[in-house]
Amino acid sequence: WRGRSIPASRQGIRQALETLRIGYTQ
């Protein structure tokens, strides 16, 4: 199930999560 989510290593994912107001890719 976790493997279906965007990996934390994805380029720019931290900034994207902040924009989306989401804490975790899961």
mmCIF file of all heavy atoms, coordinates in Angstrom:
data_MODEL
# 
_entry.id   MODEL 
# 
loop_
_atom_site.group_PDB 
_atom_site.id 
_atom_site.type_symbol 
_atom_site.label_atom_id 
_atom_site.label_alt_id 
_atom_site.label_comp_id 
_atom_site.label_asym_id 
_atom_site.label_entity_id 
_atom_site.label_seq_id 
_atom_site.pdbx_PDB_ins_code 
_atom_site.Cartn_x 
_atom_site.Cartn_y 
_atom_site.Cartn_z 
_atom_site.occupancy 
_atom_site.B_iso_or_equiv 
_atom_site.pdbx_formal_charge 
_atom_site.auth_seq_id 
_atom_site.auth_comp_id 
_atom_site.auth_asym_id 
_atom_site.auth_atom_id 
_atom_site.pdbx_PDB_model_num 
ATOM 1   N N   . TRP A 1 1  ? 0.825  -1.207 0.000   1.00 0.00 ? 1  TRP A N   1 
ATOM 2   C CA  . TRP A 1 1  ? 0.000  0.000  0.000   1.00 0.00 ? 1  TRP A CA  1 
ATOM 3   C C   . TRP A 1 1  ? 0.863  1.262  0.000   1.00 0.00 ? 1  TRP A C   1 
ATOM 4   O O   . TRP A 1 1  ? 0.632  2.179  -0.787  1.00 0.00 ? 1  TRP A O   1 
ATOM 5   C CB  . TRP A 1 1  ? -0.937 -0.034 1.214   1.00 0.00 ? 1  TRP A CB  1 
ATOM 6   C CG  . TRP A 1 1  ? -1.804 1.175  1.395   1.00 0.00 ? 1  TRP A CG  1 
ATOM 7   C CD1 . TRP A 1 1  ? -1.773 2.060  2.436   1.00 0.00 ? 1  TRP A CD1 1 
ATOM 8   C CD2 . TRP A 1 1  ? -2.843 1.642  0.522   1.00 0.00 ? 1  TRP A CD2 1 
ATOM 9   N NE1 . TRP A 1 1  ? -2.707 3.046  2.276   1.00 0.00 ? 1  TRP A NE1 1 
ATOM 10  C CE2 . TRP A 1 1  ? -3.386 2.807  1.096   1.00 0.00 ? 1  TRP A CE2 1 
ATOM 11  C CE3 . TRP A 1 1  ? -3.351 1.178  -0.690  1.00 0.00 ? 1  TRP A CE3 1 
ATOM 12  C CZ2 . TRP A 1 1  ? -4.421 3.515  0.505   1.00 0.00 ? 1  TRP A CZ2 1 
ATOM 13  C CZ3 . TRP A 1 1  ? -4.381 1.893  -1.281  1.00 0.00 ? 1  TRP A CZ3 1 
ATOM 14  C CH2 . TRP A 1 1  ? -4.903 3.050  -0.695  1.00 0.00 ? 1  TRP A CH2 1 
ATOM 15  N N   . ARG A 1 2  ? 1.882  1.304  0.857   1.00 0.00 ? 2  ARG A N   1 
ATOM 16  C CA  . ARG A 1 2  ? 2.776  2.467  0.883   1.00 0.00 ? 2  ARG A CA  1 
ATOM 17  C C   . ARG A 1 2  ? 3.533  2.600  -0.434  1.00 0.00 ? 2  ARG A C   1 
ATOM 18  O O   . ARG A 1 2  ? 3.851  3.707  -0.873  1.00 0.00 ? 2  ARG A O   1 
ATOM 19  C CB  . ARG A 1 2  ? 3.765  2.366  2.044   1.00 0.00 ? 2  ARG A CB  1 
ATOM 20  C CG  . ARG A 1 2  ? 3.148  2.565  3.415   1.00 0.00 ? 2  ARG A CG  1 
ATOM 21  C CD  . ARG A 1 2  ? 4.231  2.797  4.464   1.00 0.00 ? 2  ARG A CD  1 
ATOM 22  N NE  . ARG A 1 2  ? 5.188  1.696  4.526   1.00 0.00 ? 2  ARG A NE  1 
ATOM 23  C CZ  . ARG A 1 2  ? 5.048  0.630  5.305   1.00 0.00 ? 2  ARG A CZ  1 
ATOM 24  N NH1 . ARG A 1 2  ? 3.996  0.516  6.095   1.00 0.00 ? 2  ARG A NH1 1 
ATOM 25  N NH2 . ARG A 1 2  ? 5.970  -0.319 5.305   1.00 0.00 ? 2  ARG A NH2 1 
ATOM 26  N N   . GLY A 1 3  ? 3.830  1.445  -1.054  1.00 0.00 ? 3  GLY A N   1 
ATOM 27  C CA  . GLY A 1 3  ? 4.554  1.478  -2.325  1.00 0.00 ? 3  GLY A CA  1 
ATOM 28  C C   . GLY A 1 3  ? 3.772  2.104  -3.455  1.00 0.00 ? 3  GLY A C   1 
ATOM 29  O O   . GLY A 1 3  ? 4.337  2.430  -4.505  1.00 0.00 ? 3  GLY A O   1 
ATOM 30  N N   . ARG A 1 4  ? 2.466  2.290  -3.258  1.00 0.00 ? 4  ARG A N   1 
ATOM 31  C CA  . ARG A 1 4  ? 1.650  2.955  -4.272  1.00 0.00 ? 4  ARG A CA  1 
ATOM 32  C C   . ARG A 1 4  ? 1.804  4.476  -4.220  1.00 0.00 ? 4  ARG A C   1 
ATOM 33  O O   . ARG A 1 4  ? 1.391  5.174  -5.152  1.00 0.00 ? 4  ARG A O   1 
ATOM 34  C CB  . ARG A 1 4  ? 0.176  2.602  -4.085  1.00 0.00 ? 4  ARG A CB  1 
ATOM 35  C CG  . ARG A 1 4  ? -0.123 1.144  -4.262  1.00 0.00 ? 4  ARG A CG  1 
ATOM 36  C CD  . ARG A 1 4  ? -1.581 0.806  -4.022  1.00 0.00 ? 4  ARG A CD  1 
ATOM 37  N NE  . ARG A 1 4  ? -2.462 1.210  -5.128  1.00 0.00 ? 4  ARG A NE  1 
ATOM 38  C CZ  . ARG A 1 4  ? -2.560 0.563  -6.276  1.00 0.00 ? 4  ARG A CZ  1 
ATOM 39  N NH1 . ARG A 1 4  ? -1.815 -0.495 -6.496  1.00 0.00 ? 4  ARG A NH1 1 
ATOM 40  N NH2 . ARG A 1 4  ? -3.412 0.967  -7.206  1.00 0.00 ? 4  ARG A NH2 1 
ATOM 41  N N   . SER A 1 5  ? 2.359  4.984  -3.145  1.00 0.00 ? 5  SER A N   1 
ATOM 42  C CA  . SER A 1 5  ? 2.439  6.439  -2.977  1.00 0.00 ? 5  SER A CA  1 
ATOM 43  C C   . SER A 1 5  ? 3.715  6.995  -3.595  1.00 0.00 ? 5  SER A C   1 
ATOM 44  O O   . SER A 1 5  ? 4.671  6.258  -3.872  1.00 0.00 ? 5  SER A O   1 
ATOM 45  C CB  . SER A 1 5  ? 2.375  6.808  -1.494  1.00 0.00 ? 5  SER A CB  1 
ATOM 46  O OG  . SER A 1 5  ? 3.492  6.278  -0.803  1.00 0.00 ? 5  SER A OG  1 
ATOM 47  N N   . ILE A 1 6  ? 3.727  8.295  -3.803  1.00 0.00 ? 6  ILE A N   1 
ATOM 48  C CA  . ILE A 1 6  ? 4.914  8.971  -4.334  1.00 0.00 ? 6  ILE A CA  1 
ATOM 49  C C   . ILE A 1 6  ? 6.057  8.817  -3.328  1.00 0.00 ? 6  ILE A C   1 
ATOM 50  O O   . ILE A 1 6  ? 5.869  9.081  -2.139  1.00 0.00 ? 6  ILE A O   1 
ATOM 51  C CB  . ILE A 1 6  ? 4.635  10.471 -4.560  1.00 0.00 ? 6  ILE A CB  1 
ATOM 52  C CG1 . ILE A 1 6  ? 3.459  10.656 -5.522  1.00 0.00 ? 6  ILE A CG1 1 
ATOM 53  C CG2 . ILE A 1 6  ? 5.876  11.186 -5.082  1.00 0.00 ? 6  ILE A CG2 1 
ATOM 54  C CD1 . ILE A 1 6  ? 2.974  12.088 -5.623  1.00 0.00 ? 6  ILE A CD1 1 
ATOM 55  N N   . PRO A 1 7  ? 7.237  8.382  -3.763  1.00 0.00 ? 7  PRO A N   1 
ATOM 56  C CA  . PRO A 1 7  ? 8.345  8.221  -2.808  1.00 0.00 ? 7  PRO A CA  1 
ATOM 57  C C   . PRO A 1 7  ? 8.824  9.561  -2.262  1.00 0.00 ? 7  PRO A C   1 
ATOM 58  O O   . PRO A 1 7  ? 8.761  10.589 -2.947  1.00 0.00 ? 7  PRO A O   1 
ATOM 59  C CB  . PRO A 1 7  ? 9.436  7.540  -3.640  1.00 0.00 ? 7  PRO A CB  1 
ATOM 60  C CG  . PRO A 1 7  ? 9.109  7.884  -5.059  1.00 0.00 ? 7  PRO A CG  1 
ATOM 61  C CD  . PRO A 1 7  ? 7.613  7.990  -5.132  1.00 0.00 ? 7  PRO A CD  1 
ATOM 62  N N   . ALA A 1 8  ? 9.306  9.532  -1.033  1.00 0.00 ? 8  ALA A N   1 
ATOM 63  C CA  . ALA A 1 8  ? 9.796  10.753 -0.392  1.00 0.00 ? 8  ALA A CA  1 
ATOM 64  C C   . ALA A 1 8  ? 11.035 11.298 -1.092  1.00 0.00 ? 8  ALA A C   1 
ATOM 65  O O   . ALA A 1 8  ? 11.411 12.465 -0.877  1.00 0.00 ? 8  ALA A O   1 
ATOM 66  C CB  . ALA A 1 8  ? 10.100 10.483 1.074   1.00 0.00 ? 8  ALA A CB  1 
ATOM 67  N N   . SER A 1 9  ? 11.689 10.471 -1.925  1.00 0.00 ? 9  SER A N   1 
ATOM 68  C CA  . SER A 1 9  ? 12.888 10.905 -2.640  1.00 0.00 ? 9  SER A CA  1 
ATOM 69  C C   . SER A 1 9  ? 12.580 11.672 -3.918  1.00 0.00 ? 9  SER A C   1 
ATOM 70  O O   . SER A 1 9  ? 13.510 12.163 -4.580  1.00 0.00 ? 9  SER A O   1 
ATOM 71  C CB  . SER A 1 9  ? 13.747 9.686  -2.986  1.00 0.00 ? 9  SER A CB  1 
ATOM 72  O OG  . SER A 1 9  ? 13.014 8.769  -3.785  1.00 0.00 ? 9  SER A OG  1 
ATOM 73  N N   . ARG A 1 10 ? 11.301 11.785 -4.310  1.00 0.00 ? 10 ARG A N   1 
ATOM 74  C CA  . ARG A 1 10 ? 10.943 12.467 -5.555  1.00 0.00 ? 10 ARG A CA  1 
ATOM 75  C C   . ARG A 1 10 ? 11.441 13.918 -5.550  1.00 0.00 ? 10 ARG A C   1 
ATOM 76  O O   . ARG A 1 10 ? 11.303 14.642 -4.558  1.00 0.00 ? 10 ARG A O   1 
ATOM 77  C CB  . ARG A 1 10 ? 9.422  12.450 -5.736  1.00 0.00 ? 10 ARG A CB  1 
ATOM 78  C CG  . ARG A 1 10 ? 8.865  13.254 -6.910  1.00 0.00 ? 10 ARG A CG  1 
ATOM 79  C CD  . ARG A 1 10 ? 9.102  12.592 -8.236  1.00 0.00 ? 10 ARG A CD  1 
ATOM 80  N NE  . ARG A 1 10 ? 8.489  11.280 -8.277  1.00 0.00 ? 10 ARG A NE  1 
ATOM 81  C CZ  . ARG A 1 10 ? 7.190  11.065 -8.540  1.00 0.00 ? 10 ARG A CZ  1 
ATOM 82  N NH1 . ARG A 1 10 ? 6.378  12.078 -8.784  1.00 0.00 ? 10 ARG A NH1 1 
ATOM 83  N NH2 . ARG A 1 10 ? 6.729  9.829  -8.575  1.00 0.00 ? 10 ARG A NH2 1 
ATOM 84  N N   . GLN A 1 11 ? 12.014 14.348 -6.670  1.00 0.00 ? 11 GLN A N   1 
ATOM 85  C CA  . GLN A 1 11 ? 12.474 15.728 -6.806  1.00 0.00 ? 11 GLN A CA  1 
ATOM 86  C C   . GLN A 1 11 ? 11.337 16.706 -6.504  1.00 0.00 ? 11 GLN A C   1 
ATOM 87  O O   . GLN A 1 11 ? 10.253 16.603 -7.077  1.00 0.00 ? 11 GLN A O   1 
ATOM 88  C CB  . GLN A 1 11 ? 12.975 15.986 -8.230  1.00 0.00 ? 11 GLN A CB  1 
ATOM 89  C CG  . GLN A 1 11 ? 14.259 15.277 -8.595  1.00 0.00 ? 11 GLN A CG  1 
ATOM 90  C CD  . GLN A 1 11 ? 14.658 15.571 -10.031 1.00 0.00 ? 11 GLN A CD  1 
ATOM 91  O OE1 . GLN A 1 11 ? 14.040 16.363 -10.723 1.00 0.00 ? 11 GLN A OE1 1 
ATOM 92  N NE2 . GLN A 1 11 ? 15.704 14.918 -10.492 1.00 0.00 ? 11 GLN A NE2 1 
ATOM 93  N N   . GLY A 1 12 ? 11.588 17.644 -5.592  1.00 0.00 ? 12 GLY A N   1 
ATOM 94  C CA  . GLY A 1 12 ? 10.633 18.708 -5.300  1.00 0.00 ? 12 GLY A CA  1 
ATOM 95  C C   . GLY A 1 12 ? 9.412  18.283 -4.516  1.00 0.00 ? 12 GLY A C   1 
ATOM 96  O O   . GLY A 1 12 ? 8.462  19.059 -4.389  1.00 0.00 ? 12 GLY A O   1 
ATOM 97  N N   . ILE A 1 13 ? 9.413  17.060 -3.940  1.00 0.00 ? 13 ILE A N   1 
ATOM 98  C CA  . ILE A 1 13 ? 8.196  16.578 -3.299  1.00 0.00 ? 13 ILE A CA  1 
ATOM 99  C C   . ILE A 1 13 ? 7.856  17.358 -2.034  1.00 0.00 ? 13 ILE A C   1 
ATOM 100 O O   . ILE A 1 13 ? 6.682  17.583 -1.729  1.00 0.00 ? 13 ILE A O   1 
ATOM 101 C CB  . ILE A 1 13 ? 8.297  15.058 -2.987  1.00 0.00 ? 13 ILE A CB  1 
ATOM 102 C CG1 . ILE A 1 13 ? 6.944  14.498 -2.537  1.00 0.00 ? 13 ILE A CG1 1 
ATOM 103 C CG2 . ILE A 1 13 ? 9.382  14.791 -1.965  1.00 0.00 ? 13 ILE A CG2 1 
ATOM 104 C CD1 . ILE A 1 13 ? 5.838  14.639 -3.536  1.00 0.00 ? 13 ILE A CD1 1 
ATOM 105 N N   . ARG A 1 14 ? 8.863  17.798 -1.282  1.00 0.00 ? 14 ARG A N   1 
ATOM 106 C CA  . ARG A 1 14 ? 8.575  18.551 -0.064  1.00 0.00 ? 14 ARG A CA  1 
ATOM 107 C C   . ARG A 1 14 ? 7.855  19.841 -0.377  1.00 0.00 ? 14 ARG A C   1 
ATOM 108 O O   . ARG A 1 14 ? 6.847  20.179 0.255   1.00 0.00 ? 14 ARG A O   1 
ATOM 109 C CB  . ARG A 1 14 ? 9.889  18.807 0.696   1.00 0.00 ? 14 ARG A CB  1 
ATOM 110 C CG  . ARG A 1 14 ? 9.731  19.609 1.989   1.00 0.00 ? 14 ARG A CG  1 
ATOM 111 C CD  . ARG A 1 14 ? 8.629  19.110 2.879   1.00 0.00 ? 14 ARG A CD  1 
ATOM 112 N NE  . ARG A 1 14 ? 8.731  17.679 3.166   1.00 0.00 ? 14 ARG A NE  1 
ATOM 113 C CZ  . ARG A 1 14 ? 7.789  16.963 3.723   1.00 0.00 ? 14 ARG A CZ  1 
ATOM 114 N NH1 . ARG A 1 14 ? 6.611  17.503 4.003   1.00 0.00 ? 14 ARG A NH1 1 
ATOM 115 N NH2 . ARG A 1 14 ? 7.958  15.677 3.957   1.00 0.00 ? 14 ARG A NH2 1 
ATOM 116 N N   . GLN A 1 15 ? 8.343  20.572 -1.382  1.00 0.00 ? 15 GLN A N   1 
ATOM 117 C CA  . GLN A 1 15 ? 7.678  21.819 -1.767  1.00 0.00 ? 15 GLN A CA  1 
ATOM 118 C C   . GLN A 1 15 ? 6.275  21.540 -2.299  1.00 0.00 ? 15 GLN A C   1 
ATOM 119 O O   . GLN A 1 15 ? 5.339  22.300 -2.026  1.00 0.00 ? 15 GLN A O   1 
ATOM 120 C CB  . GLN A 1 15 ? 8.513  22.557 -2.832  1.00 0.00 ? 15 GLN A CB  1 
ATOM 121 C CG  . GLN A 1 15 ? 9.871  23.032 -2.353  1.00 0.00 ? 15 GLN A CG  1 
ATOM 122 C CD  . GLN A 1 15 ? 10.950 21.979 -2.528  1.00 0.00 ? 15 GLN A CD  1 
ATOM 123 O OE1 . GLN A 1 15 ? 10.669 20.776 -2.611  1.00 0.00 ? 15 GLN A OE1 1 
ATOM 124 N NE2 . GLN A 1 15 ? 12.201 22.429 -2.568  1.00 0.00 ? 15 GLN A NE2 1 
ATOM 125 N N   . ALA A 1 16 ? 6.126  20.427 -3.035  1.00 0.00 ? 16 ALA A N   1 
ATOM 126 C CA  . ALA A 1 16 ? 4.807  20.087 -3.574  1.00 0.00 ? 16 ALA A CA  1 
ATOM 127 C C   . ALA A 1 16 ? 3.822  19.781 -2.458  1.00 0.00 ? 16 ALA A C   1 
ATOM 128 O O   . ALA A 1 16 ? 2.660  20.225 -2.500  1.00 0.00 ? 16 ALA A O   1 
ATOM 129 C CB  . ALA A 1 16 ? 4.930  18.885 -4.519  1.00 0.00 ? 16 ALA A CB  1 
ATOM 130 N N   . LEU A 1 17 ? 4.249  19.043 -1.452  1.00 0.00 ? 17 LEU A N   1 
ATOM 131 C CA  . LEU A 1 17 ? 3.365  18.725 -0.337  1.00 0.00 ? 17 LEU A CA  1 
ATOM 132 C C   . LEU A 1 17 ? 2.963  19.984 0.425   1.00 0.00 ? 17 LEU A C   1 
ATOM 133 O O   . LEU A 1 17 ? 1.817  20.112 0.879   1.00 0.00 ? 17 LEU A O   1 
ATOM 134 C CB  . LEU A 1 17 ? 4.043  17.729 0.610   1.00 0.00 ? 17 LEU A CB  1 
ATOM 135 C CG  . LEU A 1 17 ? 4.222  16.302 0.072   1.00 0.00 ? 17 LEU A CG  1 
ATOM 136 C CD1 . LEU A 1 17 ? 5.000  15.452 1.071   1.00 0.00 ? 17 LEU A CD1 1 
ATOM 137 C CD2 . LEU A 1 17 ? 2.884  15.659 -0.252  1.00 0.00 ? 17 LEU A CD2 1 
ATOM 138 N N   . GLU A 1 18 ? 3.893  20.914 0.567   1.00 0.00 ? 18 GLU A N   1 
ATOM 139 C CA  . GLU A 1 18 ? 3.561  22.183 1.230   1.00 0.00 ? 18 GLU A CA  1 
ATOM 140 C C   . GLU A 1 18 ? 2.507  22.944 0.432   1.00 0.00 ? 18 GLU A C   1 
ATOM 141 O O   . GLU A 1 18 ? 1.560  23.507 0.996   1.00 0.00 ? 18 GLU A O   1 
ATOM 142 C CB  . GLU A 1 18 ? 4.823  23.026 1.398   1.00 0.00 ? 18 GLU A CB  1 
ATOM 143 C CG  . GLU A 1 18 ? 5.799  22.464 2.422   1.00 0.00 ? 18 GLU A CG  1 
ATOM 144 C CD  . GLU A 1 18 ? 7.093  23.249 2.482   1.00 0.00 ? 18 GLU A CD  1 
ATOM 145 O OE1 . GLU A 1 18 ? 7.238  24.225 1.700   1.00 0.00 ? 18 GLU A OE1 1 
ATOM 146 O OE2 . GLU A 1 18 ? 7.976  22.886 3.286   1.00 0.00 ? 18 GLU A OE2 1 
ATOM 147 N N   . THR A 1 19 ? 2.663  22.952 -0.891  1.00 0.00 ? 19 THR A N   1 
ATOM 148 C CA  . THR A 1 19 ? 1.682  23.625 -1.743  1.00 0.00 ? 19 THR A CA  1 
ATOM 149 C C   . THR A 1 19 ? 0.316  22.962 -1.639  1.00 0.00 ? 19 THR A C   1 
ATOM 150 O O   . THR A 1 19 ? -0.718 23.631 -1.606  1.00 0.00 ? 19 THR A O   1 
ATOM 151 C CB  . THR A 1 19 ? 2.161  23.625 -3.210  1.00 0.00 ? 19 THR A CB  1 
ATOM 152 O OG1 . THR A 1 19 ? 3.416  24.298 -3.303  1.00 0.00 ? 19 THR A OG1 1 
ATOM 153 C CG2 . THR A 1 19 ? 1.159  24.311 -4.117  1.00 0.00 ? 19 THR A CG2 1 
ATOM 154 N N   . LEU A 1 20 ? 0.322  21.623 -1.578  1.00 0.00 ? 20 LEU A N   1 
ATOM 155 C CA  . LEU A 1 20 ? -0.926 20.866 -1.504  1.00 0.00 ? 20 LEU A CA  1 
ATOM 156 C C   . LEU A 1 20 ? -1.515 20.838 -0.092  1.00 0.00 ? 20 LEU A C   1 
ATOM 157 O O   . LEU A 1 20 ? -2.633 20.364 0.106   1.00 0.00 ? 20 LEU A O   1 
ATOM 158 C CB  . LEU A 1 20 ? -0.688 19.426 -1.964  1.00 0.00 ? 20 LEU A CB  1 
ATOM 159 C CG  . LEU A 1 20 ? -0.358 19.229 -3.445  1.00 0.00 ? 20 LEU A CG  1 
ATOM 160 C CD1 . LEU A 1 20 ? 0.155  17.816 -3.691  1.00 0.00 ? 20 LEU A CD1 1 
ATOM 161 C CD2 . LEU A 1 20 ? -1.578 19.507 -4.309  1.00 0.00 ? 20 LEU A CD2 1 
ATOM 162 N N   . ARG A 1 21 ? -0.722 21.336 0.863   1.00 0.00 ? 21 ARG A N   1 
ATOM 163 C CA  . ARG A 1 21 ? -1.126 21.320 2.277   1.00 0.00 ? 21 ARG A CA  1 
ATOM 164 C C   . ARG A 1 21 ? -1.401 19.889 2.754   1.00 0.00 ? 21 ARG A C   1 
ATOM 165 O O   . ARG A 1 21 ? -2.377 19.592 3.437   1.00 0.00 ? 21 ARG A O   1 
ATOM 166 C CB  . ARG A 1 21 ? -2.353 22.210 2.506   1.00 0.00 ? 21 ARG A CB  1 
ATOM 167 C CG  . ARG A 1 21 ? -2.126 23.662 2.087   1.00 0.00 ? 21 ARG A CG  1 
ATOM 168 C CD  . ARG A 1 21 ? -3.380 24.505 2.248   1.00 0.00 ? 21 ARG A CD  1 
ATOM 169 N NE  . ARG A 1 21 ? -3.154 25.869 1.772   1.00 0.00 ? 21 ARG A NE  1 
ATOM 170 C CZ  . ARG A 1 21 ? -3.349 26.256 0.519   1.00 0.00 ? 21 ARG A CZ  1 
ATOM 171 N NH1 . ARG A 1 21 ? -3.769 25.384 -0.371  1.00 0.00 ? 21 ARG A NH1 1 
ATOM 172 N NH2 . ARG A 1 21 ? -3.136 27.507 0.158   1.00 0.00 ? 21 ARG A NH2 1 
ATOM 173 N N   . ILE A 1 22 ? -0.493 19.010 2.353   1.00 0.00 ? 22 ILE A N   1 
ATOM 174 C CA  . ILE A 1 22 ? -0.545 17.596 2.720   1.00 0.00 ? 22 ILE A CA  1 
ATOM 175 C C   . ILE A 1 22 ? 0.722  17.253 3.495   1.00 0.00 ? 22 ILE A C   1 
ATOM 176 O O   . ILE A 1 22 ? 1.823  17.688 3.133   1.00 0.00 ? 22 ILE A O   1 
ATOM 177 C CB  . ILE A 1 22 ? -0.643 16.709 1.460   1.00 0.00 ? 22 ILE A CB  1 
ATOM 178 C CG1 . ILE A 1 22 ? -1.936 16.983 0.705   1.00 0.00 ? 22 ILE A CG1 1 
ATOM 179 C CG2 . ILE A 1 22 ? -0.526 15.235 1.807   1.00 0.00 ? 22 ILE A CG2 1 
ATOM 180 C CD1 . ILE A 1 22 ? -3.178 16.454 1.363   1.00 0.00 ? 22 ILE A CD1 1 
ATOM 181 N N   . GLY A 1 23 ? 0.587  16.464 4.559   1.00 0.00 ? 23 GLY A N   1 
ATOM 182 C CA  . GLY A 1 23 ? 1.754  16.151 5.372   1.00 0.00 ? 23 GLY A CA  1 
ATOM 183 C C   . GLY A 1 23 ? 2.618  15.040 4.812   1.00 0.00 ? 23 GLY A C   1 
ATOM 184 O O   . GLY A 1 23 ? 3.840  15.104 4.888   1.00 0.00 ? 23 GLY A O   1 
ATOM 185 N N   . TYR A 1 24 ? 1.978  13.992 4.273   1.00 0.00 ? 24 TYR A N   1 
ATOM 186 C CA  . TYR A 1 24 ? 2.709  12.819 3.794   1.00 0.00 ? 24 TYR A CA  1 
ATOM 187 C C   . TYR A 1 24 ? 2.172  12.414 2.422   1.00 0.00 ? 24 TYR A C   1 
ATOM 188 O O   . TYR A 1 24 ? 0.988  12.577 2.132   1.00 0.00 ? 24 TYR A O   1 
ATOM 189 C CB  . TYR A 1 24 ? 2.540  11.639 4.754   1.00 0.00 ? 24 TYR A CB  1 
ATOM 190 C CG  . TYR A 1 24 ? 2.876  11.949 6.188   1.00 0.00 ? 24 TYR A CG  1 
ATOM 191 C CD1 . TYR A 1 24 ? 1.867  12.280 7.099   1.00 0.00 ? 24 TYR A CD1 1 
ATOM 192 C CD2 . TYR A 1 24 ? 4.188  11.914 6.641   1.00 0.00 ? 24 TYR A CD2 1 
ATOM 193 C CE1 . TYR A 1 24 ? 2.168  12.568 8.426   1.00 0.00 ? 24 TYR A CE1 1 
ATOM 194 C CE2 . TYR A 1 24 ? 4.497  12.198 7.959   1.00 0.00 ? 24 TYR A CE2 1 
ATOM 195 C CZ  . TYR A 1 24 ? 3.490  12.528 8.849   1.00 0.00 ? 24 TYR A CZ  1 
ATOM 196 O OH  . TYR A 1 24 ? 3.802  12.817 10.143  1.00 0.00 ? 24 TYR A OH  1 
ATOM 197 N N   . THR A 1 25 ? 3.058  11.854 1.607   1.00 0.00 ? 25 THR A N   1 
ATOM 198 C CA  . THR A 1 25 ? 2.614  11.424 0.276   1.00 0.00 ? 25 THR A CA  1 
ATOM 199 C C   . THR A 1 25 ? 1.544  10.340 0.382   1.00 0.00 ? 25 THR A C   1 
ATOM 200 O O   . THR A 1 25 ? 0.683  10.238 -0.483  1.00 0.00 ? 25 THR A O   1 
ATOM 201 C CB  . THR A 1 25 ? 3.799  10.905 -0.557  1.00 0.00 ? 25 THR A CB  1 
ATOM 202 O OG1 . THR A 1 25 ? 4.437  9.814  0.127   1.00 0.00 ? 25 THR A OG1 1 
ATOM 203 C CG2 . THR A 1 25 ? 4.828  12.002 -0.797  1.00 0.00 ? 25 THR A CG2 1 
ATOM 204 N N   . GLN A 1 26 ? 1.587  9.526  1.458   1.00 0.00 ? 26 GLN A N   1 
ATOM 205 C CA  . GLN A 1 26 ? 0.593  8.468  1.612   1.00 0.00 ? 26 GLN A CA  1 
ATOM 206 C C   . GLN A 1 26 ? -0.819 9.031  1.734   1.00 0.00 ? 26 GLN A C   1 
ATOM 207 O O   . GLN A 1 26 ? -1.796 8.365  1.377   1.00 0.00 ? 26 GLN A O   1 
ATOM 208 C CB  . GLN A 1 26 ? 0.901  7.608  2.849   1.00 0.00 ? 26 GLN A CB  1 
ATOM 209 C CG  . GLN A 1 26 ? 2.130  6.724  2.704   1.00 0.00 ? 26 GLN A CG  1 
ATOM 210 C CD  . GLN A 1 26 ? 3.411  7.443  3.103   1.00 0.00 ? 26 GLN A CD  1 
ATOM 211 O OE1 . GLN A 1 26 ? 3.420  8.669  3.252   1.00 0.00 ? 26 GLN A OE1 1 
ATOM 212 N NE2 . GLN A 1 26 ? 4.476  6.690  3.290   1.00 0.00 ? 26 GLN A NE2 1 
# 
